[in-house]
Amino acid sequence: MKQPLVIKVGGALLESKDGQVQLFKTIGQLVAQQIHVVVVHGGGCLVEDWLALVGMKSEKLDGLRVTPASQIELVTGALAGAANKKLVAAAKATNLNCVGLSLADGDMVSADYLDPRLGQVGQCQVNERGLLISLLAAGYSPVISSIADDGHGKLLNVNADQAAQVIAQLLNGKLILLSDVPGVLDENKQLIDKLTPQRAQQLADDGVIVGGMKVKVDTAFDTARELGDSIVIASWKEPQHLLALVNGGRCGTLIEAPETV
């Protein structure tokens, strides 16, 4: 089996029907080239809308969403329910054969609590890849929401970038983090073609890489280190660049595996 692609998409994609169509058409072209694709998604915009509807506040800490017990069921409904099925429906409309899942399915990960200050927010470790391997072998493209469980009956909200990292590790896949910007931008809002750990730290210290993008960049370096492979941060608005990438081209910002001593 060729190295699978693990593509993480952000919640902003849910607000762009055209973006969904173009992305899933591109994924269909990749599948036609015998490249297996797994999609991992967030849905922050939808979560915030649902919380606002019932008068709840949404807070973040260091770029991660605080999820108290009073909100976890709404967050689960938004991510593993509405967001997941919207993406599955969009994929099916382009004739992509897919199946919607969450991190809690098939024992694919084990999860525990990340930080007491974040509430029911989890961190994951790889566990069992049998379900995903079976689905890929049968021609399905899994679409996975970032909701896990703690093994004791409680649900956990996992940052989608970090969820995608674990799925990439599970499948030894190529991780591609897609958002609504072309990649990592410098202080002049220009795309950085290749980002080193040293420059990333400097941009973070200068307040250029902050919030969700800092989580994304940190996740990319962690995954590159774990897999010994480069990671790509790019935009779902230009999905055709994925075709160039698998054929040796470049897109977005390349995060290279740190050298080991």
C-alpha atoms as a PDB file:
ATOM      1  CA  MET A   1       0.000   0.000   0.000  1.00  0.00           C
ATOM      2  CA  LYS A   2       1.288   3.467  -0.904  1.00  0.00           C
ATOM      3  CA  GLN A   3       1.803   5.905   1.946  1.00  0.00           C
ATOM      4  CA  PRO A   4      -1.665   7.207   2.861  1.00  0.00           C
ATOM      5  CA  LEU A   5      -2.400  10.915   3.000  1.00  0.00           C
ATOM      6  CA  VAL A   6      -3.905  12.211   6.228  1.00  0.00           C
ATOM      7  CA  ILE A   7      -5.540  15.541   5.412  1.00  0.00           C
ATOM      8  CA  LYS A   8      -6.725  17.751   8.244  1.00  0.00           C
ATOM      9  CA  VAL A   9      -9.323  20.395   7.410  1.00  0.00           C
ATOM     10  CA  GLY A  10     -10.516  23.214   9.623  1.00  0.00           C
ATOM     11  CA  GLY A  11     -14.001  24.287  10.519  1.00  0.00           C
ATOM     12  CA  ALA A  12     -13.942  27.170   8.035  1.00  0.00           C
ATOM     13  CA  LEU A  13     -14.319  24.606   5.231  1.00  0.00           C
ATOM     14  CA  LEU A  14     -17.827  23.863   6.535  1.00  0.00           C
ATOM     15  CA  GLU A  15     -18.837  27.380   5.497  1.00  0.00           C
ATOM     16  CA  SER A  16     -17.677  26.959   1.900  1.00  0.00           C
ATOM     17  CA  LYS A  17     -19.724  24.554  -0.214  1.00  0.00           C
ATOM     18  CA  ASP A  18     -17.535  25.249  -3.225  1.00  0.00           C
ATOM     19  CA  GLY A  19     -14.425  24.590  -1.143  1.00  0.00           C
ATOM     20  CA  GLN A  20     -15.847  21.235  -0.045  1.00  0.00           C
ATOM     21  CA  VAL A  21     -16.688  20.247  -3.612  1.00  0.00           C
ATOM     22  CA  GLN A  22     -13.260  21.156  -4.956  1.00  0.00           C
ATOM     23  CA  LEU A  23     -11.423  19.424  -2.115  1.00  0.00           C
ATOM     24  CA  PHE A  24     -13.374  16.186  -2.375  1.00  0.00           C
ATOM     25  CA  LYS A  25     -13.071  16.161  -6.167  1.00  0.00           C
ATOM     26  CA  THR A  26      -9.315  16.436  -5.720  1.00  0.00           C
ATOM     27  CA  ILE A  27      -9.338  13.651  -3.136  1.00  0.00           C
ATOM     28  CA  GLY A  28     -11.278  11.558  -5.656  1.00  0.00           C
ATOM     29  CA  GLN A  29      -8.470  12.120  -8.171  1.00  0.00           C
ATOM     30  CA  LEU A  30      -5.915  11.019  -5.594  1.00  0.00           C
ATOM     31  CA  VAL A  31      -7.921   7.880  -4.815  1.00  0.00           C
ATOM     32  CA  ALA A  32      -8.068   7.172  -8.555  1.00  0.00           C
ATOM     33  CA  GLN A  33      -4.248   7.154  -8.457  1.00  0.00           C
ATOM     34  CA  GLN A  34      -4.421   4.416  -5.785  1.00  0.00           C
ATOM     35  CA  ILE A  35      -3.507   6.848  -3.026  1.00  0.00           C
ATOM     36  CA  HIS A  36      -5.474   6.246   0.158  1.00  0.00           C
ATOM     37  CA  VAL A  37      -6.794   9.388   1.854  1.00  0.00           C
ATOM     38  CA  VAL A  38      -8.078   9.933   5.392  1.00  0.00           C
ATOM     39  CA  VAL A  39      -9.706  13.249   6.305  1.00  0.00           C
ATOM     40  CA  VAL A  40      -9.597  14.519   9.892  1.00  0.00           C
ATOM     41  CA  HIS A  41     -11.682  17.597  10.671  1.00  0.00           C
ATOM     42  CA  GLY A  42     -12.424  20.206  13.268  1.00  0.00           C
ATOM     43  CA  GLY A  43     -15.426  22.494  13.361  1.00  0.00           C
ATOM     44  CA  GLY A  44     -14.679  25.408  15.649  1.00  0.00           C
ATOM     45  CA  CYS A  45     -16.993  27.825  13.860  1.00  0.00           C
ATOM     46  CA  LEU A  46     -19.925  25.437  14.190  1.00  0.00           C
ATOM     47  CA  VAL A  47     -19.134  24.763  17.858  1.00  0.00           C
ATOM     48  CA  GLU A  48     -19.134  28.488  18.596  1.00  0.00           C
ATOM     49  CA  ASP A  49     -22.466  28.942  16.783  1.00  0.00           C
ATOM     50  CA  TRP A  50     -24.107  26.106  18.715  1.00  0.00           C
ATOM     51  CA  LEU A  51     -22.808  27.321  22.065  1.00  0.00           C
ATOM     52  CA  ALA A  52     -24.016  30.851  21.337  1.00  0.00           C
ATOM     53  CA  LEU A  53     -27.494  29.556  20.519  1.00  0.00           C
ATOM     54  CA  VAL A  54     -27.870  28.273  24.091  1.00  0.00           C
ATOM     55  CA  GLY A  55     -26.140  31.236  25.702  1.00  0.00           C
ATOM     56  CA  MET A  56     -22.847  29.517  26.486  1.00  0.00           C
ATOM     57  CA  LYS A  57     -19.468  31.204  26.121  1.00  0.00           C
ATOM     58  CA  SER A  58     -16.604  29.707  24.149  1.00  0.00           C
ATOM     59  CA  GLU A  59     -13.139  30.231  25.604  1.00  0.00           C
ATOM     60  CA  LYS A  60      -9.643  29.268  24.469  1.00  0.00           C
ATOM     61  CA  LEU A  61      -6.410  28.742  26.353  1.00  0.00           C
ATOM     62  CA  ASP A  62      -3.138  28.748  24.413  1.00  0.00           C
ATOM     63  CA  GLY A  63      -5.081  28.179  21.171  1.00  0.00           C
ATOM     64  CA  LEU A  64      -7.049  25.208  22.558  1.00  0.00           C
ATOM     65  CA  ARG A  65     -10.794  25.270  23.203  1.00  0.00           C
ATOM     66  CA  VAL A  66     -11.798  24.997  26.858  1.00  0.00           C
ATOM     67  CA  THR A  67     -14.522  22.325  27.075  1.00  0.00           C
ATOM     68  CA  PRO A  68     -16.261  22.047  30.456  1.00  0.00           C
ATOM     69  CA  ALA A  69     -18.509  19.069  31.195  1.00  0.00           C
ATOM     70  CA  SER A  70     -21.562  21.294  30.626  1.00  0.00           C
ATOM     71  CA  GLN A  71     -20.513  21.794  26.981  1.00  0.00           C
ATOM     72  CA  ILE A  72     -19.103  18.430  25.896  1.00  0.00           C
ATOM     73  CA  GLU A  73     -22.384  17.036  24.575  1.00  0.00           C
ATOM     74  CA  LEU A  74     -22.991  20.133  22.432  1.00  0.00           C
ATOM     75  CA  VAL A  75     -19.406  20.047  21.186  1.00  0.00           C
ATOM     76  CA  THR A  76     -19.768  16.342  20.366  1.00  0.00           C
ATOM     77  CA  GLY A  77     -23.027  16.971  18.526  1.00  0.00           C
ATOM     78  CA  ALA A  78     -21.456  19.755  16.502  1.00  0.00           C
ATOM     79  CA  LEU A  79     -18.248  17.893  15.604  1.00  0.00           C
ATOM     80  CA  ALA A  80     -19.086  14.177  15.482  1.00  0.00           C
ATOM     81  CA  GLY A  81     -22.661  14.888  14.356  1.00  0.00           C
ATOM     82  CA  ALA A  82     -23.378  17.880  12.138  1.00  0.00           C
ATOM     83  CA  ALA A  83     -19.839  18.733  10.962  1.00  0.00           C
ATOM     84  CA  ASN A  84     -18.937  15.120  10.226  1.00  0.00           C
ATOM     85  CA  LYS A  85     -22.114  14.350   8.325  1.00  0.00           C
ATOM     86  CA  LYS A  86     -21.986  17.601   6.353  1.00  0.00           C
ATOM     87  CA  LEU A  87     -18.541  16.630   5.109  1.00  0.00           C
ATOM     88  CA  VAL A  88     -19.618  13.042   4.398  1.00  0.00           C
ATOM     89  CA  ALA A  89     -22.614  14.331   2.425  1.00  0.00           C
ATOM     90  CA  ALA A  90     -20.401  16.736   0.472  1.00  0.00           C
ATOM     91  CA  ALA A  91     -17.957  13.926  -0.301  1.00  0.00           C
ATOM     92  CA  LYS A  92     -20.756  11.629  -1.480  1.00  0.00           C
ATOM     93  CA  ALA A  93     -22.026  14.392  -3.780  1.00  0.00           C
ATOM     94  CA  THR A  94     -18.698  14.169  -5.643  1.00  0.00           C
ATOM     95  CA  ASN A  95     -18.995  10.347  -5.836  1.00  0.00           C
ATOM     96  CA  LEU A  96     -16.283   9.804  -3.237  1.00  0.00           C
ATOM     97  CA  ASN A  97     -16.862   6.575  -1.324  1.00  0.00           C
ATOM     98  CA  CYS A  98     -16.446   7.586   2.304  1.00  0.00           C
ATOM     99  CA  VAL A  99     -17.504   6.747   5.849  1.00  0.00           C
ATOM    100  CA  GLY A 100     -17.870   9.097   8.811  1.00  0.00           C
ATOM    101  CA  LEU A 101     -16.111   8.219  12.067  1.00  0.00           C
ATOM    102  CA  SER A 102     -14.832   9.751  15.286  1.00  0.00           C
ATOM    103  CA  LEU A 103     -11.626   9.084  17.216  1.00  0.00           C
ATOM    104  CA  ALA A 104     -13.749   7.022  19.616  1.00  0.00           C
ATOM    105  CA  ASP A 105     -14.554   4.419  16.941  1.00  0.00           C
ATOM    106  CA  GLY A 106     -12.716   1.158  16.364  1.00  0.00           C
ATOM    107  CA  ASP A 107     -10.413   1.663  19.346  1.00  0.00           C
ATOM    108  CA  MET A 108      -8.145   3.575  16.955  1.00  0.00           C
ATOM    109  CA  VAL A 109      -6.725   5.781  19.719  1.00  0.00           C
ATOM    110  CA  SER A 110      -6.484   5.830  23.482  1.00  0.00           C
ATOM    111  CA  ALA A 111      -7.113   9.189  25.116  1.00  0.00           C
ATOM    112  CA  ASP A 112      -6.748  10.902  28.458  1.00  0.00           C
ATOM    113  CA  TYR A 113      -7.125  14.418  29.824  1.00  0.00           C
ATOM    114  CA  LEU A 114      -4.709  17.036  28.528  1.00  0.00           C
ATOM    115  CA  ASP A 115      -4.924  19.732  31.215  1.00  0.00           C
ATOM    116  CA  PRO A 116      -7.390  20.203  34.099  1.00  0.00           C
ATOM    117  CA  ARG A 117      -7.757  23.875  33.110  1.00  0.00           C
ATOM    118  CA  LEU A 118      -9.184  22.791  29.726  1.00  0.00           C
ATOM    119  CA  GLY A 119     -11.937  20.548  31.117  1.00  0.00           C
ATOM    120  CA  GLN A 120     -12.897  17.604  28.901  1.00  0.00           C
ATOM    121  CA  VAL A 121     -10.134  18.149  26.377  1.00  0.00           C
ATOM    122  CA  GLY A 122      -8.073  15.116  25.517  1.00  0.00           C
ATOM    123  CA  GLN A 123      -4.718  14.058  24.185  1.00  0.00           C
ATOM    124  CA  CYS A 124      -4.419  10.862  22.160  1.00  0.00           C
ATOM    125  CA  GLN A 125      -1.991   8.048  21.550  1.00  0.00           C
ATOM    126  CA  VAL A 126      -2.068   5.536  18.724  1.00  0.00           C
ATOM    127  CA  ASN A 127      -3.819   2.298  19.520  1.00  0.00           C
ATOM    128  CA  GLU A 128      -5.507   0.025  16.942  1.00  0.00           C
ATOM    129  CA  ARG A 129      -5.412   0.668  13.198  1.00  0.00           C
ATOM    130  CA  GLY A 130      -7.348  -2.392  12.060  1.00  0.00           C
ATOM    131  CA  LEU A 131     -10.606  -0.544  11.317  1.00  0.00           C
ATOM    132  CA  LEU A 132      -8.932   2.132   9.210  1.00  0.00           C
ATOM    133  CA  ILE A 133      -6.814  -0.378   7.301  1.00  0.00           C
ATOM    134  CA  SER A 134      -9.918  -2.462   6.542  1.00  0.00           C
ATOM    135  CA  LEU A 135     -11.858   0.581   5.334  1.00  0.00           C
ATOM    136  CA  LEU A 136      -9.009   1.804   3.136  1.00  0.00           C
ATOM    137  CA  ALA A 137      -8.527  -1.665   1.665  1.00  0.00           C
ATOM    138  CA  ALA A 138     -12.249  -1.789   0.859  1.00  0.00           C
ATOM    139  CA  GLY A 139     -12.036   1.497  -1.044  1.00  0.00           C
ATOM    140  CA  TYR A 140     -13.446   3.862   1.570  1.00  0.00           C
ATOM    141  CA  SER A 141     -12.015   7.262   2.514  1.00  0.00           C
ATOM    142  CA  PRO A 142     -12.623   7.750   6.262  1.00  0.00           C
ATOM    143  CA  VAL A 143     -13.740  11.181   7.464  1.00  0.00           C
ATOM    144  CA  ILE A 144     -12.855  11.415  11.174  1.00  0.00           C
ATOM    145  CA  SER A 145     -14.085  13.935  13.735  1.00  0.00           C
ATOM    146  CA  SER A 146     -11.882  14.884  16.662  1.00  0.00           C
ATOM    147  CA  ILE A 147     -14.084  13.483  19.436  1.00  0.00           C
ATOM    148  CA  ALA A 148     -12.511  10.728  21.560  1.00  0.00           C
ATOM    149  CA  ASP A 149     -13.384   8.996  24.832  1.00  0.00           C
ATOM    150  CA  ASP A 150     -11.435   8.387  28.010  1.00  0.00           C
ATOM    151  CA  GLY A 151     -12.122   4.630  28.150  1.00  0.00           C
ATOM    152  CA  HIS A 152     -14.436   5.111  31.126  1.00  0.00           C
ATOM    153  CA  GLY A 153     -17.527   6.386  29.353  1.00  0.00           C
ATOM    154  CA  LYS A 154     -16.703  10.089  29.113  1.00  0.00           C
ATOM    155  CA  LEU A 155     -16.248  12.032  25.887  1.00  0.00           C
ATOM    156  CA  LEU A 156     -13.212  14.198  25.163  1.00  0.00           C
ATOM    157  CA  ASN A 157     -12.729  17.049  22.713  1.00  0.00           C
ATOM    158  CA  VAL A 158      -9.362  16.762  20.934  1.00  0.00           C
ATOM    159  CA  ASN A 159      -7.689  19.534  18.968  1.00  0.00           C
ATOM    160  CA  ALA A 160      -8.147  18.518  15.330  1.00  0.00           C
ATOM    161  CA  ASP A 161      -4.528  19.224  14.353  1.00  0.00           C
ATOM    162  CA  GLN A 162      -3.365  16.959  17.151  1.00  0.00           C
ATOM    163  CA  ALA A 163      -5.974  14.351  16.200  1.00  0.00           C
ATOM    164  CA  ALA A 164      -4.652  14.338  12.644  1.00  0.00           C
ATOM    165  CA  GLN A 165      -1.120  13.920  13.998  1.00  0.00           C
ATOM    166  CA  VAL A 166      -2.106  10.737  15.816  1.00  0.00           C
ATOM    167  CA  ILE A 167      -3.929   9.313  12.783  1.00  0.00           C
ATOM    168  CA  ALA A 168      -0.854  10.012  10.645  1.00  0.00           C
ATOM    169  CA  GLN A 169       1.287   8.184  13.188  1.00  0.00           C
ATOM    170  CA  LEU A 170      -1.205   5.323  13.318  1.00  0.00           C
ATOM    171  CA  LEU A 171      -1.087   4.818   9.543  1.00  0.00           C
ATOM    172  CA  ASN A 172       2.495   6.012   8.962  1.00  0.00           C
ATOM    173  CA  GLY A 173       0.814   8.522   6.674  1.00  0.00           C
ATOM    174  CA  LYS A 174       1.811  11.836   5.132  1.00  0.00           C
ATOM    175  CA  LEU A 175       0.234  14.634   7.187  1.00  0.00           C
ATOM    176  CA  ILE A 176      -1.163  17.665   5.375  1.00  0.00           C
ATOM    177  CA  LEU A 177      -2.708  20.405   7.506  1.00  0.00           C
ATOM    178  CA  LEU A 178      -5.162  22.530   5.498  1.00  0.00           C
ATOM    179  CA  SER A 179      -6.728  25.798   6.619  1.00  0.00           C
ATOM    180  CA  ASP A 180      -8.100  28.940   4.970  1.00  0.00           C
ATOM    181  CA  VAL A 181      -4.648  30.534   4.590  1.00  0.00           C
ATOM    182  CA  PRO A 182      -1.981  29.419   2.074  1.00  0.00           C
ATOM    183  CA  GLY A 183       0.433  28.262   4.772  1.00  0.00           C
ATOM    184  CA  VAL A 184       2.527  29.852   7.506  1.00  0.00           C
ATOM    185  CA  LEU A 185       2.920  33.590   6.912  1.00  0.00           C
ATOM    186  CA  ASP A 186       5.794  35.792   8.050  1.00  0.00           C
ATOM    187  CA  GLU A 187       5.616  39.218   9.682  1.00  0.00           C
ATOM    188  CA  ASN A 188       4.863  40.750   6.257  1.00  0.00           C
ATOM    189  CA  LYS A 189       2.013  38.312   5.565  1.00  0.00           C
ATOM    190  CA  GLN A 190       4.132  36.525   2.949  1.00  0.00           C
ATOM    191  CA  LEU A 191       4.120  32.740   2.579  1.00  0.00           C
ATOM    192  CA  ILE A 192       7.080  30.917   4.105  1.00  0.00           C
ATOM    193  CA  ASP A 193       8.077  28.103   1.739  1.00  0.00           C
ATOM    194  CA  LYS A 194      10.103  26.178   4.334  1.00  0.00           C
ATOM    195  CA  LEU A 195      10.003  26.665   8.098  1.00  0.00           C
ATOM    196  CA  THR A 196      12.756  25.641  10.486  1.00  0.00           C
ATOM    197  CA  PRO A 197      12.254  25.154  14.247  1.00  0.00           C
ATOM    198  CA  GLN A 198      14.517  28.125  14.929  1.00  0.00           C
ATOM    199  CA  ARG A 199      12.558  30.506  12.701  1.00  0.00           C
ATOM    200  CA  ALA A 200       9.249  29.188  14.026  1.00  0.00           C
ATOM    201  CA  GLN A 201      10.375  29.953  17.589  1.00  0.00           C
ATOM    202  CA  GLN A 202      11.506  33.446  16.590  1.00  0.00           C
ATOM    203  CA  LEU A 203       8.169  34.169  14.874  1.00  0.00           C
ATOM    204  CA  ALA A 204       6.329  32.885  17.943  1.00  0.00           C
ATOM    205  CA  ASP A 205       8.448  35.068  20.241  1.00  0.00           C
ATOM    206  CA  ASP A 206       7.675  38.057  17.997  1.00  0.00           C
ATOM    207  CA  GLY A 207       3.939  37.377  18.177  1.00  0.00           C
ATOM    208  CA  VAL A 208       3.634  36.435  14.503  1.00  0.00           C
ATOM    209  CA  ILE A 209       2.767  32.756  14.983  1.00  0.00           C
ATOM    210  CA  VAL A 210       0.073  32.696  17.664  1.00  0.00           C
ATOM    211  CA  GLY A 211      -3.093  30.882  18.737  1.00  0.00           C
ATOM    212  CA  GLY A 212      -4.369  28.185  16.425  1.00  0.00           C
ATOM    213  CA  MET A 213      -1.488  28.567  13.970  1.00  0.00           C
ATOM    214  CA  LYS A 214       1.019  28.019  16.773  1.00  0.00           C
ATOM    215  CA  VAL A 215      -0.783  24.806  17.732  1.00  0.00           C
ATOM    216  CA  LYS A 216      -0.685  23.793  14.068  1.00  0.00           C
ATOM    217  CA  VAL A 217       3.026  24.525  13.692  1.00  0.00           C
ATOM    218  CA  ASP A 218       3.934  22.792  16.966  1.00  0.00           C
ATOM    219  CA  THR A 219       1.890  19.755  15.896  1.00  0.00           C
ATOM    220  CA  ALA A 220       3.618  19.712  12.512  1.00  0.00           C
ATOM    221  CA  PHE A 221       7.098  19.700  14.063  1.00  0.00           C
ATOM    222  CA  ASP A 222       6.096  17.021  16.586  1.00  0.00           C
ATOM    223  CA  THR A 223       4.718  14.823  13.801  1.00  0.00           C
ATOM    224  CA  ALA A 224       7.714  15.409  11.547  1.00  0.00           C
ATOM    225  CA  ARG A 225       9.963  14.339  14.415  1.00  0.00           C
ATOM    226  CA  GLU A 226       7.881  11.242  15.217  1.00  0.00           C
ATOM    227  CA  LEU A 227       7.522  10.075  11.610  1.00  0.00           C
ATOM    228  CA  GLY A 228      10.869  11.264  10.275  1.00  0.00           C
ATOM    229  CA  ASP A 229       8.942  12.844   7.404  1.00  0.00           C
ATOM    230  CA  SER A 230       8.099  16.363   6.265  1.00  0.00           C
ATOM    231  CA  ILE A 231       4.675  17.896   6.950  1.00  0.00           C
ATOM    232  CA  VAL A 232       2.793  20.370   4.779  1.00  0.00           C
ATOM    233  CA  ILE A 233       0.686  23.304   5.986  1.00  0.00           C
ATOM    234  CA  ALA A 234      -1.398  24.641   3.102  1.00  0.00           C
ATOM    235  CA  SER A 235      -4.848  25.885   2.062  1.00  0.00           C
ATOM    236  CA  TRP A 236      -7.987  23.926   1.205  1.00  0.00           C
ATOM    237  CA  LYS A 237      -8.804  26.803  -1.174  1.00  0.00           C
ATOM    238  CA  GLU A 238      -6.171  25.438  -3.580  1.00  0.00           C
ATOM    239  CA  PRO A 239      -6.695  21.663  -3.402  1.00  0.00           C
ATOM    240  CA  GLN A 240      -5.240  21.109  -6.865  1.00  0.00           C
ATOM    241  CA  HIS A 241      -1.831  21.698  -5.301  1.00  0.00           C
ATOM    242  CA  LEU A 242      -2.238  18.350  -3.531  1.00  0.00           C
ATOM    243  CA  LEU A 243      -1.938  16.640  -6.908  1.00  0.00           C
ATOM    244  CA  ALA A 244       1.347  18.407  -7.531  1.00  0.00           C
ATOM    245  CA  LEU A 245       2.547  17.476  -4.050  1.00  0.00           C
ATOM    246  CA  VAL A 246       2.088  13.730  -4.514  1.00  0.00           C
ATOM    247  CA  ASN A 247       3.946  13.981  -7.813  1.00  0.00           C
ATOM    248  CA  GLY A 248       7.009  15.577  -6.247  1.00  0.00           C
ATOM    249  CA  GLY A 249       5.929  19.211  -6.306  1.00  0.00           C
ATOM    250  CA  ARG A 250       5.556  21.739  -3.523  1.00  0.00           C
ATOM    251  CA  CYS A 251       2.670  23.565  -1.910  1.00  0.00           C
ATOM    252  CA  GLY A 252       2.127  25.668   1.173  1.00  0.00           C
ATOM    253  CA  THR A 253       4.755  25.669   3.915  1.00  0.00           C
ATOM    254  CA  LEU A 254       7.043  22.673   4.285  1.00  0.00           C
ATOM    255  CA  ILE A 255       7.846  21.570   7.833  1.00  0.00           C
ATOM    256  CA  GLU A 256      10.883  19.323   7.668  1.00  0.00           C
ATOM    257  CA  ALA A 257      11.748  16.630  10.164  1.00  0.00           C
ATOM    258  CA  PRO A 258      14.267  18.056  12.665  1.00  0.00           C
ATOM    259  CA  GLU A 259      17.724  16.563  12.369  1.00  0.00           C
ATOM    260  CA  THR A 260      18.579  14.069  15.087  1.00  0.00           C
ATOM    261  CA  VAL A 261      21.976  14.089  16.748  1.00  0.00           C
END
